[in-house]
Protein backbone atom coordinates (compact mmCIF):
# COMPACT_ATOMS: atom_id res chain seq x y z
CA MET A 1 5.04 43.62 -20.09
CA ILE A 2 8.39 45.15 -21.12
CA VAL A 3 10.78 42.82 -22.95
CA PRO A 4 13.98 43.52 -24.98
CA GLN A 5 13.72 44.16 -28.69
CA PRO A 6 14.22 41.06 -30.83
CA LYS A 7 17.27 40.69 -33.05
CA LYS A 8 17.23 39.00 -36.44
CA MET A 9 19.70 36.13 -36.81
CA LYS A 10 21.45 34.92 -39.97
CA SER A 11 18.98 32.04 -40.18
CA GLY A 12 16.11 34.51 -40.62
CA LEU A 13 14.63 33.77 -37.18
CA TRP A 14 14.16 36.44 -34.52
CA GLU A 15 15.67 36.05 -31.03
CA ILE A 16 15.29 37.69 -27.64
CA ARG A 17 17.73 37.12 -24.80
CA LEU A 18 15.60 37.38 -21.67
CA ARG A 19 16.89 37.80 -18.10
CA VAL A 20 14.35 36.51 -15.55
CA ASN A 21 14.84 35.54 -11.90
CA GLY A 22 18.63 35.69 -12.28
CA ARG A 23 18.67 33.32 -15.27
CA THR A 24 19.08 33.89 -19.02
CA GLU A 25 16.36 32.49 -21.27
CA PHE A 26 16.37 32.48 -25.09
CA VAL A 27 13.20 32.91 -27.14
CA THR A 28 13.13 32.41 -30.93
CA ALA A 29 10.32 32.83 -33.46
CA ARG A 30 9.73 33.37 -37.18
CA SER A 31 8.71 37.02 -36.77
CA ALA A 32 9.66 39.89 -34.48
CA THR A 33 6.05 40.27 -33.28
CA GLU A 34 5.71 36.58 -32.41
CA CYS A 35 9.10 36.62 -30.67
CA LYS A 36 8.05 39.53 -28.45
CA ARG A 37 4.72 37.84 -27.66
CA GLN A 38 6.39 34.59 -26.60
CA ALA A 39 9.03 36.43 -24.55
CA ALA A 40 6.34 38.39 -22.68
CA TYR A 41 4.42 35.19 -21.94
CA LEU A 42 7.56 33.39 -20.73
CA LYS A 43 8.55 36.28 -18.46
CA THR A 44 5.07 36.46 -16.91
CA HIS A 45 5.01 32.68 -16.41
CA LEU A 46 8.44 32.48 -14.78
CA GLN A 47 7.72 35.41 -12.46
CA ALA A 48 4.43 33.76 -11.42
CA LEU A 49 6.26 30.52 -10.67
CA LYS A 50 8.75 32.38 -8.50
CA LYS A 51 5.95 34.06 -6.58
CA ALA A 52 4.13 30.73 -6.10
CA LYS A 53 7.33 29.10 -4.89
CA GLY A 54 7.87 31.93 -2.43
CA GLU A 55 4.37 31.46 -1.06
CA ALA A 56 4.89 27.69 -0.83
CA ASP A 57 8.21 28.21 0.97
CA ASN A 58 6.30 30.13 3.63
CA MET A 59 3.91 27.25 4.34
CA THR A 60 4.52 25.19 7.44
CA LEU A 61 5.29 21.50 7.06
CA ARG A 62 1.89 20.67 8.58
CA GLU A 63 0.07 22.94 6.11
CA CYS A 64 1.99 21.49 3.19
CA GLN A 65 1.04 17.92 4.12
CA GLU A 66 -2.59 18.78 4.88
CA ASN A 67 -3.00 20.48 1.49
CA TYR A 68 -1.75 17.35 -0.26
CA ILE A 69 -3.96 15.02 1.81
CA ASP A 70 -7.08 17.12 1.15
CA ALA A 71 -6.39 17.02 -2.59
CA GLN A 72 -6.20 13.20 -2.55
CA ARG A 73 -9.37 12.40 -0.58
CA ALA A 74 -11.44 11.70 -3.67
CA VAL A 75 -8.96 9.28 -5.24
CA LEU A 76 -7.20 7.43 -2.42
CA SER A 77 -8.54 4.70 -0.14
CA PRO A 78 -10.00 5.93 3.19
CA SER A 79 -7.50 3.69 5.00
CA THR A 80 -4.62 5.36 3.10
CA ILE A 81 -5.96 8.83 3.97
CA ARG A 82 -6.20 7.75 7.60
CA CYS A 83 -2.56 6.61 7.58
CA TYR A 84 -1.48 9.89 5.96
CA GLU A 85 -3.30 11.89 8.61
CA VAL A 86 -1.59 9.90 11.37
CA TYR A 87 1.83 10.53 9.81
CA ALA A 88 1.07 14.25 9.41
CA ARG A 89 0.06 14.54 13.09
CA ARG A 90 2.64 12.34 14.79
CA ARG A 91 5.83 12.45 12.75
CA TRP A 92 8.41 15.27 12.75
CA PRO A 93 6.90 16.88 15.92
CA GLU A 94 9.68 19.49 16.23
CA TYR A 95 9.26 20.57 12.59
CA GLN A 96 5.45 20.60 12.23
CA TYR A 97 5.19 24.38 12.33
CA CYS A 98 8.50 25.24 10.69
CA ARG A 99 8.31 26.88 7.27
CA VAL A 100 9.31 24.38 4.61
CA GLY A 101 11.76 26.86 3.05
CA SER A 102 13.82 26.89 6.26
CA ILE A 103 13.99 23.16 7.08
CA ASP A 104 17.21 21.16 6.96
CA TRP A 105 15.61 18.00 5.57
CA GLN A 106 18.43 15.58 6.30
CA ARG A 107 18.62 16.78 9.89
CA MET A 108 14.86 16.34 10.22
CA VAL A 109 15.14 12.76 8.93
CA ASN A 110 18.08 12.05 11.24
CA ASP A 111 16.14 13.28 14.27
CA GLU A 112 13.20 11.00 13.49
CA THR A 113 15.47 7.99 12.82
CA ALA A 114 16.15 7.73 16.54
CA VAL A 115 12.41 7.55 17.31
CA VAL A 116 10.78 5.23 14.73
CA GLY A 117 11.69 2.20 12.66
CA PRO A 118 12.99 2.36 9.06
CA LYS A 119 9.68 1.38 7.44
CA THR A 120 7.65 3.99 9.32
CA LEU A 121 10.29 6.60 8.52
CA LYS A 122 10.23 5.68 4.82
CA ASN A 123 6.43 5.96 4.67
CA ALA A 124 6.38 9.26 6.56
CA TRP A 125 9.06 10.73 4.30
CA GLY A 126 7.12 9.54 1.25
CA LEU A 127 4.22 11.74 2.37
CA VAL A 128 6.52 14.75 2.86
CA HIS A 129 8.13 14.17 -0.56
CA ALA A 130 4.74 13.98 -2.32
CA SER A 131 3.46 17.03 -0.42
CA LEU A 132 6.41 19.16 -1.50
CA LEU A 133 5.99 18.16 -5.14
CA TYR A 134 2.26 18.94 -4.96
CA ALA A 135 3.12 22.41 -3.63
CA GLY A 136 5.38 22.99 -6.64
CA LEU A 137 8.57 22.78 -4.60
CA PRO A 138 11.65 20.73 -5.46
CA ALA A 139 11.75 17.55 -3.38
CA PRO A 140 15.12 17.22 -1.64
CA THR A 141 17.20 14.06 -1.72
CA VAL A 142 17.79 12.55 1.71
CA LYS A 143 19.46 9.40 2.99
CA LEU A 144 17.11 6.98 4.75
CA ALA A 145 17.96 3.94 6.82
CA LYS A 146 17.54 0.72 4.85
CA CYS A 147 14.34 -1.17 5.62
CA PRO A 148 15.05 -4.76 6.71
CA VAL A 149 13.19 -7.48 4.86
CA ARG A 150 10.38 -8.60 7.16
CA GLU A 151 8.80 -11.94 6.42
CA ILE A 152 5.28 -12.41 7.72
CA PRO A 153 5.07 -15.71 9.64
CA PHE A 154 2.76 -18.38 8.26
CA LEU A 155 1.51 -21.81 9.29
CA GLN A 156 3.19 -24.95 8.02
CA PRO A 157 0.79 -27.60 6.59
CA ASP A 158 0.99 -29.74 9.74
CA GLU A 159 0.20 -26.64 11.86
CA ILE A 160 -2.93 -25.70 9.93
CA THR A 161 -5.01 -28.60 11.27
CA LYS A 162 -3.91 -27.82 14.85
CA PHE A 163 -4.94 -24.20 14.37
CA MET A 164 -8.33 -25.24 12.98
CA ASP A 165 -8.91 -27.42 16.05
CA ALA A 166 -8.06 -24.46 18.28
CA VAL A 167 -10.64 -22.16 16.66
CA LYS A 168 -13.39 -24.78 16.29
CA GLY A 169 -16.64 -23.62 17.88
CA ARG A 170 -15.20 -20.21 18.81
CA SER A 171 -17.06 -17.00 17.98
CA TYR A 172 -14.28 -16.05 15.59
CA GLU A 173 -14.04 -19.42 13.79
CA ILE A 174 -15.67 -18.20 10.58
CA PRO A 175 -13.53 -15.06 10.08
CA ALA A 176 -10.37 -17.03 10.96
CA LEU A 177 -11.20 -19.76 8.42
CA LEU A 178 -12.12 -17.16 5.78
CA ALA A 179 -8.65 -15.62 6.22
CA LEU A 180 -7.16 -19.13 6.00
CA HIS A 181 -9.15 -19.45 2.77
CA GLY A 182 -7.16 -16.55 1.24
CA LEU A 183 -9.40 -13.57 2.00
CA ARG A 184 -7.89 -10.26 3.09
CA LEU A 185 -8.99 -8.87 6.44
CA SER A 186 -10.93 -6.06 4.73
CA GLU A 187 -12.70 -8.68 2.56
CA VAL A 188 -13.56 -10.85 5.56
CA ARG A 189 -15.13 -7.93 7.40
CA ALA A 190 -17.10 -6.80 4.30
CA LEU A 191 -18.51 -10.25 3.41
CA LYS A 192 -22.33 -10.31 3.49
CA TRP A 193 -24.61 -13.33 3.70
CA GLU A 194 -26.16 -12.42 0.34
CA ASN A 195 -22.75 -13.28 -1.20
CA VAL A 196 -22.57 -16.75 0.39
CA ASP A 197 -24.18 -19.52 -1.65
CA LEU A 198 -24.14 -22.62 0.53
CA GLN A 199 -26.25 -24.60 -1.93
CA ARG A 200 -23.56 -24.36 -4.59
CA GLY A 201 -20.68 -24.01 -2.12
CA LEU A 202 -19.54 -20.62 -3.41
CA ILE A 203 -18.47 -17.29 -1.90
CA ARG A 204 -18.62 -14.02 -3.82
CA VAL A 205 -15.78 -11.79 -2.57
CA GLN A 206 -16.89 -8.24 -3.23
CA GLY A 207 -16.08 -4.96 -1.54
CA ALA A 208 -13.97 -4.15 1.51
CA LEU A 209 -14.49 -2.76 4.99
CA VAL A 210 -11.60 -0.52 6.05
CA ARG A 211 -10.78 2.01 8.74
CA GLY A 212 -11.02 5.58 7.51
CA PRO A 213 -10.39 8.93 9.25
CA ASP A 214 -13.92 8.89 10.70
CA GLY A 215 -14.21 5.18 11.51
CA LYS A 216 -15.34 2.20 9.44
CA VAL A 217 -15.80 2.78 5.71
CA GLU A 218 -17.41 0.25 3.39
CA LYS A 219 -15.89 0.27 -0.09
CA LYS A 220 -17.71 -1.19 -3.07
CA THR A 221 -14.44 -2.06 -4.77
CA ASN A 222 -11.65 -4.37 -3.62
CA LYS A 223 -7.93 -3.72 -3.46
CA THR A 224 -7.16 -4.77 -7.05
CA ALA A 225 -9.07 -5.52 -10.25
CA LYS A 226 -8.92 -9.29 -9.66
CA SER A 227 -9.88 -9.05 -5.99
CA SER A 228 -13.58 -9.23 -6.82
CA ARG A 229 -13.99 -12.95 -7.40
CA THR A 230 -16.16 -16.00 -6.84
CA ILE A 231 -14.40 -18.85 -5.06
CA PRO A 232 -15.44 -22.37 -4.03
CA ILE A 233 -15.62 -23.16 -0.32
CA LEU A 234 -12.58 -25.42 0.01
CA ILE A 235 -12.50 -25.94 3.78
CA PRO A 236 -15.19 -28.37 5.05
CA ALA A 237 -15.01 -26.85 8.55
CA LEU A 238 -15.77 -23.43 7.06
CA TYR A 239 -18.81 -24.80 5.23
CA ARG A 240 -20.12 -26.44 8.43
CA ALA A 241 -19.59 -23.25 10.46
CA LEU A 242 -21.37 -21.11 7.84
CA ASP A 243 -24.23 -23.59 7.57
CA ALA A 244 -24.75 -23.63 11.37
CA SER A 245 -24.52 -19.85 11.79
CA LEU A 246 -27.70 -17.88 12.49
CA PRO A 247 -29.15 -15.46 11.57
CA LYS A 248 -28.00 -15.37 7.95
CA GLU A 249 -28.41 -11.66 7.28
CA GLY A 250 -26.16 -8.60 7.15
CA ASN A 251 -22.43 -9.09 7.60
CA VAL A 252 -21.11 -12.62 8.03
CA CYS A 253 -18.36 -11.53 10.45
CA PRO A 254 -19.43 -8.60 12.66
CA ILE A 255 -16.18 -8.63 14.61
CA GLY A 256 -13.66 -5.88 15.33
CA GLU A 257 -10.32 -5.85 13.54
CA GLN A 258 -8.15 -5.82 16.67
CA THR A 259 -10.37 -8.35 18.44
CA LEU A 260 -9.95 -10.83 15.58
CA LEU A 261 -6.19 -10.30 15.47
CA ASP A 262 -5.88 -10.93 19.22
CA ASP A 263 -8.08 -14.01 19.05
CA VAL A 264 -6.08 -15.52 16.16
CA LYS A 265 -2.78 -15.05 17.96
CA ARG A 266 -4.23 -16.45 21.18
CA SER A 267 -5.42 -19.55 19.32
CA CYS A 268 -1.96 -20.05 17.82
CA ARG A 269 -0.40 -20.00 21.27
CA ARG A 270 -3.04 -22.37 22.61
CA ALA A 271 -2.44 -24.79 19.70
CA GLY A 272 1.35 -24.60 20.10
CA VAL A 273 1.91 -23.47 16.47
CA THR A 274 3.67 -20.52 14.83
CA GLU A 275 2.05 -17.31 16.05
CA VAL A 276 0.54 -15.58 13.01
CA GLY A 277 -1.73 -12.64 12.37
CA VAL A 278 -4.81 -12.54 10.17
CA HIS A 279 -2.72 -11.73 7.10
CA GLY A 280 -0.40 -14.59 8.03
CA LEU A 281 -3.35 -16.94 7.51
CA ARG A 282 -3.67 -15.62 3.94
CA HIS A 283 0.03 -16.36 3.45
CA SER A 284 -0.59 -19.85 4.84
CA PHE A 285 -3.29 -20.44 2.22
CA ALA A 286 -0.99 -19.49 -0.67
CA SER A 287 1.94 -21.54 0.63
CA LEU A 288 -0.28 -24.58 1.23
CA GLY A 289 -1.63 -24.37 -2.31
CA TYR A 290 1.89 -24.17 -3.70
CA HIS A 291 2.95 -27.10 -1.49
CA LEU A 292 0.02 -29.19 -2.83
CA GLY A 293 0.98 -28.45 -6.43
CA ILE A 294 -1.97 -26.15 -7.24
CA SER A 295 -1.24 -24.16 -10.40
CA GLU A 296 -0.11 -20.57 -10.01
CA ARG A 297 -2.98 -19.34 -12.20
CA GLN A 298 -5.51 -21.09 -9.95
CA LEU A 299 -3.92 -19.71 -6.78
CA MET A 300 -3.98 -16.20 -8.21
CA GLU A 301 -7.67 -16.57 -9.05
CA TRP A 302 -8.64 -17.86 -5.60
CA GLY A 303 -6.52 -15.32 -3.73
CA GLY A 304 -7.33 -12.33 -5.95
CA TRP A 305 -3.73 -11.50 -6.85
CA ASP A 306 -3.07 -9.41 -9.97
CA ASP A 307 0.69 -9.76 -10.14
CA ILE A 308 2.37 -13.17 -10.24
CA ASN A 309 5.66 -11.57 -9.13
CA THR A 310 3.98 -10.33 -5.95
CA MET A 311 2.67 -13.82 -5.25
CA HIS A 312 6.14 -15.30 -5.74
CA ARG A 313 7.95 -12.66 -3.69
CA ILE A 314 5.59 -12.39 -0.75
CA TYR A 315 3.03 -15.15 -0.56
CA ILE A 316 4.52 -18.37 -1.90
CA ARG A 317 7.19 -19.48 0.54
CA LEU A 318 8.80 -22.88 0.95
CA THR A 319 7.36 -25.01 3.70
CA ASN A 320 9.68 -26.94 6.01
CA THR A 321 8.63 -30.15 4.26
CA GLY A 322 9.48 -28.69 0.87
CA ARG A 323 12.92 -27.63 2.05
CA SER A 324 13.59 -31.07 3.52
CA GLU A 325 12.49 -32.86 0.34
CA ALA A 326 14.67 -30.60 -1.81
CA ALA A 327 17.68 -31.23 0.43
CA ASP A 328 17.07 -35.00 0.28
CA LYS A 329 17.04 -34.91 -3.52
CA VAL A 330 20.39 -33.13 -3.65
CA ARG A 331 21.94 -35.51 -1.11
CA GLU A 332 20.64 -38.49 -3.09
CA TRP A 333 22.17 -37.17 -6.32
CA PHE A 334 25.58 -36.65 -4.76
CA ALA A 335 25.43 -40.06 -3.06
CA THR A 336 24.83 -41.85 -6.38
CA ALA A 337 27.44 -39.73 -8.16
CA GLU A 338 30.31 -40.95 -5.95
């Protein structure tokens, strides 16, 4: 490796001014030999980076994303990998086989904005951004449409009993009541009879059943550290349904994800209550607990939440009754203050 001869500075250090890839780099060391060694290493390293970047620039967008996804298979959830693969296949159809070094990124984003919603676009761009960084390429800055705040509907306290009447005796009563008990859908589907202790009235929430690239995948771990938990059976109707269910072996709820979602929504319509999904029942559990004055620490333990800010922002929402009572208190104060 040929590098310029070092020059001794007034400070006693040796310096080489190196020109690599159109940029000037300065290398200093305590001896001329060490200065030349470091300069040679730096030049080799920078030239290798330029070559790698050139090779990455020649990858297609599809190749770039697939390389990133393959590298993450061992560390990410199967459901996350499945979502990434869907984004890689379906998003940016006109750019899939364009070389990443030739893509106008803002134009690509603008084209997709007319096809999908802001949240889908944000998630799809997140995959592209991560894929470029993994390839050693600079991730461009683009302007995305702002995602609207979407509140998941939940059942008011007076609606919960109507919903429970609507699912009573149905084949999906147990999974619906487990979701209303604060379990995530993946936790409901993974629950095994060996983790249900009817004698002591306890449920051990452990593991998750999710959809991966090749179908159902059973995970031994839950979503967060506090998701694995033992909770008391709080709903009498759930206890009765579990007690009457036979046979008590294998999975407690051998029901498809989409089937359960459709059945829950159908029951809401039949009961004349707010139409919610399975996750909306989990929201209903948290909001009911808050409405009844259950401590935040206890709610977090039952629901398996790690972050109290998440519970406040997403799960604990004022019920209609709570809003009415708060308004009455303010009106009463102003009335007595006159």
